[in-house]
């Protein structure tokens, strides 16, 4: 019987201490969960901000690429005009060649 009483005492002690220990653990877990939820909210906000920056940078890249393409086209057109043969400027009129004068026939 003595053994039963000591076993019953141990079981009773465990049953009384278990809720206290569990209560402390659950309080710590709740605090940790609240802290983790705050971190998740912060990371979610950072992700949203970064996604916004990526979208803005993508739009800016598209705008700049269109501008580069436009300027490249203008450069190509300018180079084509520069390379095209220019119409020759009218050369000054050459004086008509002098008519060769034939020596007058001599009478003999």
N, C-alpha and C. Protein backbone atom coordinates (compact mmCIF):
# COMPACT_ATOMS: atom_id res chain seq x y z
N UNK A 1 0.79 -1.18 0.00
CA UNK A 1 0.00 0.00 0.00
C UNK A 1 0.85 1.27 0.00
N UNK A 2 1.97 1.13 0.65
CA UNK A 2 2.85 2.27 0.70
C UNK A 2 3.30 2.63 -0.71
N UNK A 3 3.54 1.63 -1.47
CA UNK A 3 3.97 1.86 -2.83
C UNK A 3 2.88 2.55 -3.63
N UNK A 4 1.67 2.18 -3.42
CA UNK A 4 0.55 2.77 -4.14
C UNK A 4 0.40 4.23 -3.75
N UNK A 5 0.62 4.51 -2.49
CA UNK A 5 0.49 5.90 -2.05
C UNK A 5 1.59 6.77 -2.67
N UNK A 6 2.78 6.26 -2.69
CA UNK A 6 3.86 7.07 -3.26
C UNK A 6 3.66 7.24 -4.77
N UNK A 7 3.19 6.21 -5.45
CA UNK A 7 2.92 6.32 -6.89
C UNK A 7 1.77 7.29 -7.13
N UNK A 8 0.76 7.23 -6.28
CA UNK A 8 -0.37 8.13 -6.40
C UNK A 8 0.08 9.56 -6.12
N UNK A 9 0.98 9.74 -5.18
CA UNK A 9 1.51 11.08 -4.86
C UNK A 9 2.30 11.65 -6.05
N UNK A 10 3.08 10.78 -6.66
CA UNK A 10 3.87 11.22 -7.82
C UNK A 10 2.95 11.61 -8.97
N UNK A 11 1.95 10.77 -9.22
CA UNK A 11 1.00 11.07 -10.30
C UNK A 11 0.27 12.37 -9.99
N UNK A 12 -0.15 12.56 -8.74
CA UNK A 12 -0.85 13.78 -8.36
C UNK A 12 0.05 15.00 -8.52
N UNK A 13 1.31 14.85 -8.11
CA UNK A 13 2.25 15.96 -8.24
C UNK A 13 2.46 16.31 -9.72
N UNK A 14 2.60 15.30 -10.56
CA UNK A 14 2.79 15.53 -12.00
C UNK A 14 1.57 16.23 -12.58
N UNK A 15 0.39 15.78 -12.17
CA UNK A 15 -0.84 16.38 -12.68
C UNK A 15 -0.99 17.83 -12.23
N UNK A 16 -0.50 18.15 -11.05
CA UNK A 16 -0.59 19.53 -10.57
C UNK A 16 0.48 20.43 -11.22
N UNK A 17 1.66 19.91 -11.44
CA UNK A 17 2.76 20.69 -11.99
C UNK A 17 2.63 20.84 -13.52
N UNK A 18 2.09 19.86 -14.17
CA UNK A 18 1.99 19.87 -15.64
C UNK A 18 1.25 21.10 -16.17
N UNK A 19 0.10 21.48 -15.65
CA UNK A 19 -0.57 22.67 -16.17
C UNK A 19 0.26 23.94 -15.97
N UNK A 20 0.98 24.01 -14.85
CA UNK A 20 1.81 25.19 -14.61
C UNK A 20 2.94 25.28 -15.63
N UNK A 21 3.58 24.15 -15.88
CA UNK A 21 4.67 24.12 -16.86
C UNK A 21 4.10 24.39 -18.26
N UNK A 22 2.97 23.77 -18.54
CA UNK A 22 2.35 23.99 -19.85
C UNK A 22 1.92 25.43 -20.01
N UNK A 23 1.43 26.02 -18.94
CA UNK A 23 1.01 27.42 -18.99
C UNK A 23 2.18 28.33 -19.30
N UNK A 24 3.32 28.07 -18.70
CA UNK A 24 4.52 28.87 -18.97
C UNK A 24 4.96 28.68 -20.40
N UNK A 25 4.95 27.43 -20.85
CA UNK A 25 5.36 27.16 -22.22
C UNK A 25 4.41 27.81 -23.21
N UNK A 26 3.11 27.72 -22.92
CA UNK A 26 2.16 28.30 -23.87
C UNK A 26 2.28 29.82 -23.87
N UNK A 27 2.61 30.41 -22.71
CA UNK A 27 2.81 31.86 -22.67
C UNK A 27 4.03 32.23 -23.51
N UNK A 28 5.09 31.47 -23.37
CA UNK A 28 6.29 31.71 -24.17
C UNK A 28 5.99 31.51 -25.65
N UNK A 29 5.23 30.46 -25.94
CA UNK A 29 4.86 30.20 -27.34
C UNK A 29 4.01 31.33 -27.90
N UNK A 30 3.07 31.83 -27.10
CA UNK A 30 2.23 32.94 -27.56
C UNK A 30 3.08 34.17 -27.82
N UNK A 31 4.03 34.46 -26.93
CA UNK A 31 4.92 35.60 -27.13
C UNK A 31 5.77 35.43 -28.38
N UNK A 32 6.29 34.21 -28.52
CA UNK A 32 7.10 33.93 -29.71
C UNK A 32 6.26 34.03 -30.98
N UNK A 33 5.04 33.49 -30.94
CA UNK A 33 4.15 33.57 -32.11
C UNK A 33 3.83 35.02 -32.44
N UNK A 34 3.58 35.84 -31.43
CA UNK A 34 3.29 37.26 -31.68
C UNK A 34 4.51 37.93 -32.32
N UNK A 35 5.69 37.60 -31.82
CA UNK A 35 6.93 38.16 -32.38
C UNK A 35 7.10 37.71 -33.84
N UNK A 36 6.87 36.44 -34.10
CA UNK A 36 7.01 35.92 -35.46
C UNK A 36 5.97 36.53 -36.39
N UNK A 37 4.76 36.73 -35.89
CA UNK A 37 3.73 37.36 -36.72
C UNK A 37 4.13 38.78 -37.09
N UNK A 38 4.75 39.49 -36.16
CA UNK A 38 5.26 40.83 -36.44
C UNK A 38 6.35 40.79 -37.51
N UNK A 39 7.23 39.81 -37.42
CA UNK A 39 8.29 39.66 -38.42
C UNK A 39 7.71 39.33 -39.78
N UNK A 40 6.70 38.46 -39.82
CA UNK A 40 6.06 38.10 -41.08
C UNK A 40 5.41 39.33 -41.70
N UNK A 41 4.72 40.14 -40.88
CA UNK A 41 4.08 41.35 -41.38
C UNK A 41 5.13 42.31 -41.94
N UNK A 42 6.26 42.45 -41.23
CA UNK A 42 7.33 43.33 -41.69
C UNK A 42 7.91 42.83 -43.02
N UNK A 43 8.17 41.54 -43.11
CA UNK A 43 8.73 40.96 -44.35
C UNK A 43 7.74 41.09 -45.50
N UNK A 44 6.46 40.91 -45.21
CA UNK A 44 5.44 41.05 -46.25
C UNK A 44 5.43 42.48 -46.78
N UNK A 45 5.54 43.46 -45.88
CA UNK A 45 5.58 44.87 -46.30
C UNK A 45 6.83 45.14 -47.13
N UNK A 46 7.97 44.61 -46.70
CA UNK A 46 9.21 44.80 -47.46
C UNK A 46 9.09 44.18 -48.84
N UNK A 47 8.49 43.01 -48.92
CA UNK A 47 8.31 42.34 -50.20
C UNK A 47 7.42 43.19 -51.12
N UNK A 48 6.36 43.74 -50.57
CA UNK A 48 5.46 44.59 -51.35
C UNK A 48 6.20 45.82 -51.87
N UNK A 49 6.99 46.44 -50.99
CA UNK A 49 7.76 47.62 -51.39
C UNK A 49 8.77 47.28 -52.48
N UNK A 50 9.45 46.16 -52.32
CA UNK A 50 10.45 45.76 -53.33
C UNK A 50 9.79 45.41 -54.65
N UNK A 51 8.63 44.77 -54.61
CA UNK A 51 7.92 44.43 -55.84
C UNK A 51 7.51 45.71 -56.57
N UNK A 52 7.11 46.72 -55.80
CA UNK A 52 6.74 48.00 -56.40
C UNK A 52 7.96 48.62 -57.08
N UNK A 53 9.12 48.55 -56.41
CA UNK A 53 10.34 49.10 -57.00
C UNK A 53 10.74 48.34 -58.27
N UNK A 54 10.57 47.03 -58.25
CA UNK A 54 10.89 46.22 -59.43
C UNK A 54 9.96 46.60 -60.59
N UNK A 55 8.67 46.77 -60.30
CA UNK A 55 7.72 47.16 -61.34
C UNK A 55 8.08 48.52 -61.92
N UNK A 56 8.43 49.47 -61.05
CA UNK A 56 8.82 50.80 -61.52
C UNK A 56 10.08 50.72 -62.38
N UNK A 57 11.05 49.93 -61.94
CA UNK A 57 12.29 49.79 -62.70
C UNK A 57 12.04 49.12 -64.05
N UNK A 58 11.11 48.18 -64.08
CA UNK A 58 10.77 47.51 -65.34
C UNK A 58 10.14 48.50 -66.31
N UNK A 59 9.24 49.32 -65.80
CA UNK A 59 8.61 50.33 -66.65
C UNK A 59 9.64 51.34 -67.15
N UNK A 60 10.54 51.76 -66.27
CA UNK A 60 11.59 52.71 -66.65
C UNK A 60 12.50 52.08 -67.71
N UNK A 61 12.81 50.80 -67.54
CA UNK A 61 13.65 50.11 -68.52
C UNK A 61 12.97 50.10 -69.89
N UNK A 62 11.67 49.81 -69.91
CA UNK A 62 10.94 49.81 -71.18
C UNK A 62 10.94 51.18 -71.83
N UNK A 63 10.74 52.22 -71.02
CA UNK A 63 10.73 53.58 -71.55
C UNK A 63 12.11 53.95 -72.11
N UNK A 64 13.16 53.62 -71.36
CA UNK A 64 14.51 53.93 -71.82
C UNK A 64 14.90 53.11 -73.06
N UNK A 65 14.46 51.87 -73.12
CA UNK A 65 14.76 51.04 -74.29
C UNK A 65 14.09 51.62 -75.53
N UNK A 66 12.86 52.11 -75.38
CA UNK A 66 12.17 52.73 -76.52
C UNK A 66 12.93 53.98 -76.97
N UNK A 67 13.44 54.75 -76.01
CA UNK A 67 14.20 55.96 -76.35
C UNK A 67 15.50 55.60 -77.05
N UNK A 68 16.18 54.55 -76.58
CA UNK A 68 17.42 54.10 -77.22
C UNK A 68 17.13 53.67 -78.66
N UNK A 69 16.05 52.92 -78.84
CA UNK A 69 15.70 52.48 -80.19
C UNK A 69 15.42 53.67 -81.10
N UNK A 70 14.72 54.68 -80.58
CA UNK A 70 14.40 55.87 -81.37
C UNK A 70 15.68 56.61 -81.76
N UNK A 71 16.59 56.77 -80.80
CA UNK A 71 17.84 57.48 -81.08
C UNK A 71 18.73 56.68 -82.04
N UNK A 72 18.73 55.37 -81.89
CA UNK A 72 19.51 54.53 -82.80
C UNK A 72 18.99 54.69 -84.23
N UNK A 73 17.69 54.75 -84.37
CA UNK A 73 17.09 54.93 -85.70
C UNK A 73 17.49 56.29 -86.27
N UNK A 74 17.46 57.34 -85.44
CA UNK A 74 17.85 58.67 -85.91
C UNK A 74 19.32 58.68 -86.33
N UNK A 75 20.16 58.00 -85.56
CA UNK A 75 21.58 57.95 -85.91
C UNK A 75 21.77 57.23 -87.25
N UNK A 76 21.06 56.12 -87.43
CA UNK A 76 21.17 55.37 -88.69
C UNK A 76 20.74 56.23 -89.86
N UNK A 77 19.65 56.97 -89.68
CA UNK A 77 19.16 57.84 -90.76
C UNK A 77 20.16 58.94 -91.06
N UNK A 78 20.76 59.51 -90.02
CA UNK A 78 21.75 60.58 -90.21
C UNK A 78 22.99 60.05 -90.91
N UNK A 79 23.42 58.85 -90.52
CA UNK A 79 24.58 58.27 -91.18
C UNK A 79 24.28 57.93 -92.63
N UNK A 80 23.06 57.50 -92.91
CA UNK A 80 22.69 57.19 -94.28
C UNK A 80 22.70 58.45 -95.13
N UNK A 81 22.21 59.53 -94.57
CA UNK A 81 22.22 60.81 -95.32
C UNK A 81 23.65 61.27 -95.56
N UNK A 82 24.48 61.09 -94.56
CA UNK A 82 25.87 61.52 -94.68
C UNK A 82 26.62 60.68 -95.72
N UNK A 83 26.32 59.41 -95.76
CA UNK A 83 27.02 58.51 -96.67
C UNK A 83 26.47 58.59 -98.09
N UNK A 84 25.25 59.06 -98.26
CA UNK A 84 24.65 59.13 -99.60
C UNK A 84 25.48 60.09 -100.45
N UNK A 85 25.68 59.73 -101.74
CA UNK A 85 26.48 60.62 -102.59
C UNK A 85 25.76 61.94 -102.76
N UNK A 86 26.53 62.97 -102.58
CA UNK A 86 25.96 64.30 -102.73
C UNK A 86 25.90 64.62 -104.22
N UNK A 87 24.86 65.30 -104.64
CA UNK A 87 24.83 65.67 -106.06
C UNK A 87 26.01 66.60 -106.32
N UNK A 88 26.67 66.35 -107.41
CA UNK A 88 27.86 67.13 -107.74
C UNK A 88 27.45 68.57 -107.97
N UNK A 89 28.23 69.43 -107.42
CA UNK A 89 27.97 70.85 -107.63
C UNK A 89 28.30 71.14 -109.10
N UNK A 90 27.54 72.00 -109.68
CA UNK A 90 27.77 72.31 -111.10
C UNK A 90 29.14 72.94 -111.23
N UNK A 91 29.92 72.33 -112.06
CA UNK A 91 31.26 72.84 -112.29
C UNK A 91 31.12 74.08 -113.18
N UNK A 92 31.99 74.99 -113.00
CA UNK A 92 31.90 76.18 -113.86
C UNK A 92 32.04 75.75 -115.31
N UNK A 93 31.34 76.46 -116.13
CA UNK A 93 31.35 76.12 -117.56
C UNK A 93 32.76 76.27 -118.10
N UNK A 94 33.16 75.25 -118.85
CA UNK A 94 34.50 75.30 -119.44
C UNK A 94 34.41 76.20 -120.67
N UNK A 95 35.42 77.00 -120.86
CA UNK A 95 35.39 77.85 -122.06
C UNK A 95 35.47 76.96 -123.29
N UNK A 96 34.78 77.35 -124.29
CA UNK A 96 34.77 76.57 -125.52
C UNK A 96 36.18 76.52 -126.06
N UNK A 97 36.55 75.37 -126.57
CA UNK A 97 37.92 75.29 -127.08
C UNK A 97 38.07 76.24 -128.28
N UNK A 98 39.20 76.82 -128.34
CA UNK A 98 39.45 77.75 -129.44
C UNK A 98 39.52 76.95 -130.72
N UNK A 99 38.91 77.52 -131.71
CA UNK A 99 38.93 76.83 -133.00
C UNK A 99 40.34 76.93 -133.53
N UNK A 100 40.81 75.85 -133.97
CA UNK A 100 42.17 75.85 -134.49
C UNK A 100 42.17 76.69 -135.77
N UNK A 101 43.00 77.57 -135.78
CA UNK A 101 43.06 78.42 -136.95
C UNK A 101 43.97 77.75 -137.99
N UNK A 102 43.40 77.63 -139.13
CA UNK A 102 44.17 77.03 -140.22
C UNK A 102 45.00 78.14 -140.85
N UNK A 103 46.19 77.79 -141.12
CA UNK A 103 46.98 78.84 -141.76
C UNK A 103 46.37 79.15 -143.14
N UNK A 104 46.38 80.34 -143.42
CA UNK A 104 45.80 80.78 -144.70
C UNK A 104 46.63 80.17 -145.83
N UNK A 105 45.94 79.69 -146.80
CA UNK A 105 46.70 79.11 -147.90
C UNK A 105 47.55 80.20 -148.57
N UNK A 106 48.67 79.86 -148.83
CA UNK A 106 49.59 80.80 -149.47
C UNK A 106 49.50 80.63 -150.98
N UNK A 107 49.55 81.71 -151.68
CA UNK A 107 49.46 81.65 -153.13
C UNK A 107 50.87 81.59 -153.68
N UNK A 108 51.01 80.78 -154.57
CA UNK A 108 52.32 80.65 -155.18
C UNK A 108 52.28 81.10 -156.57
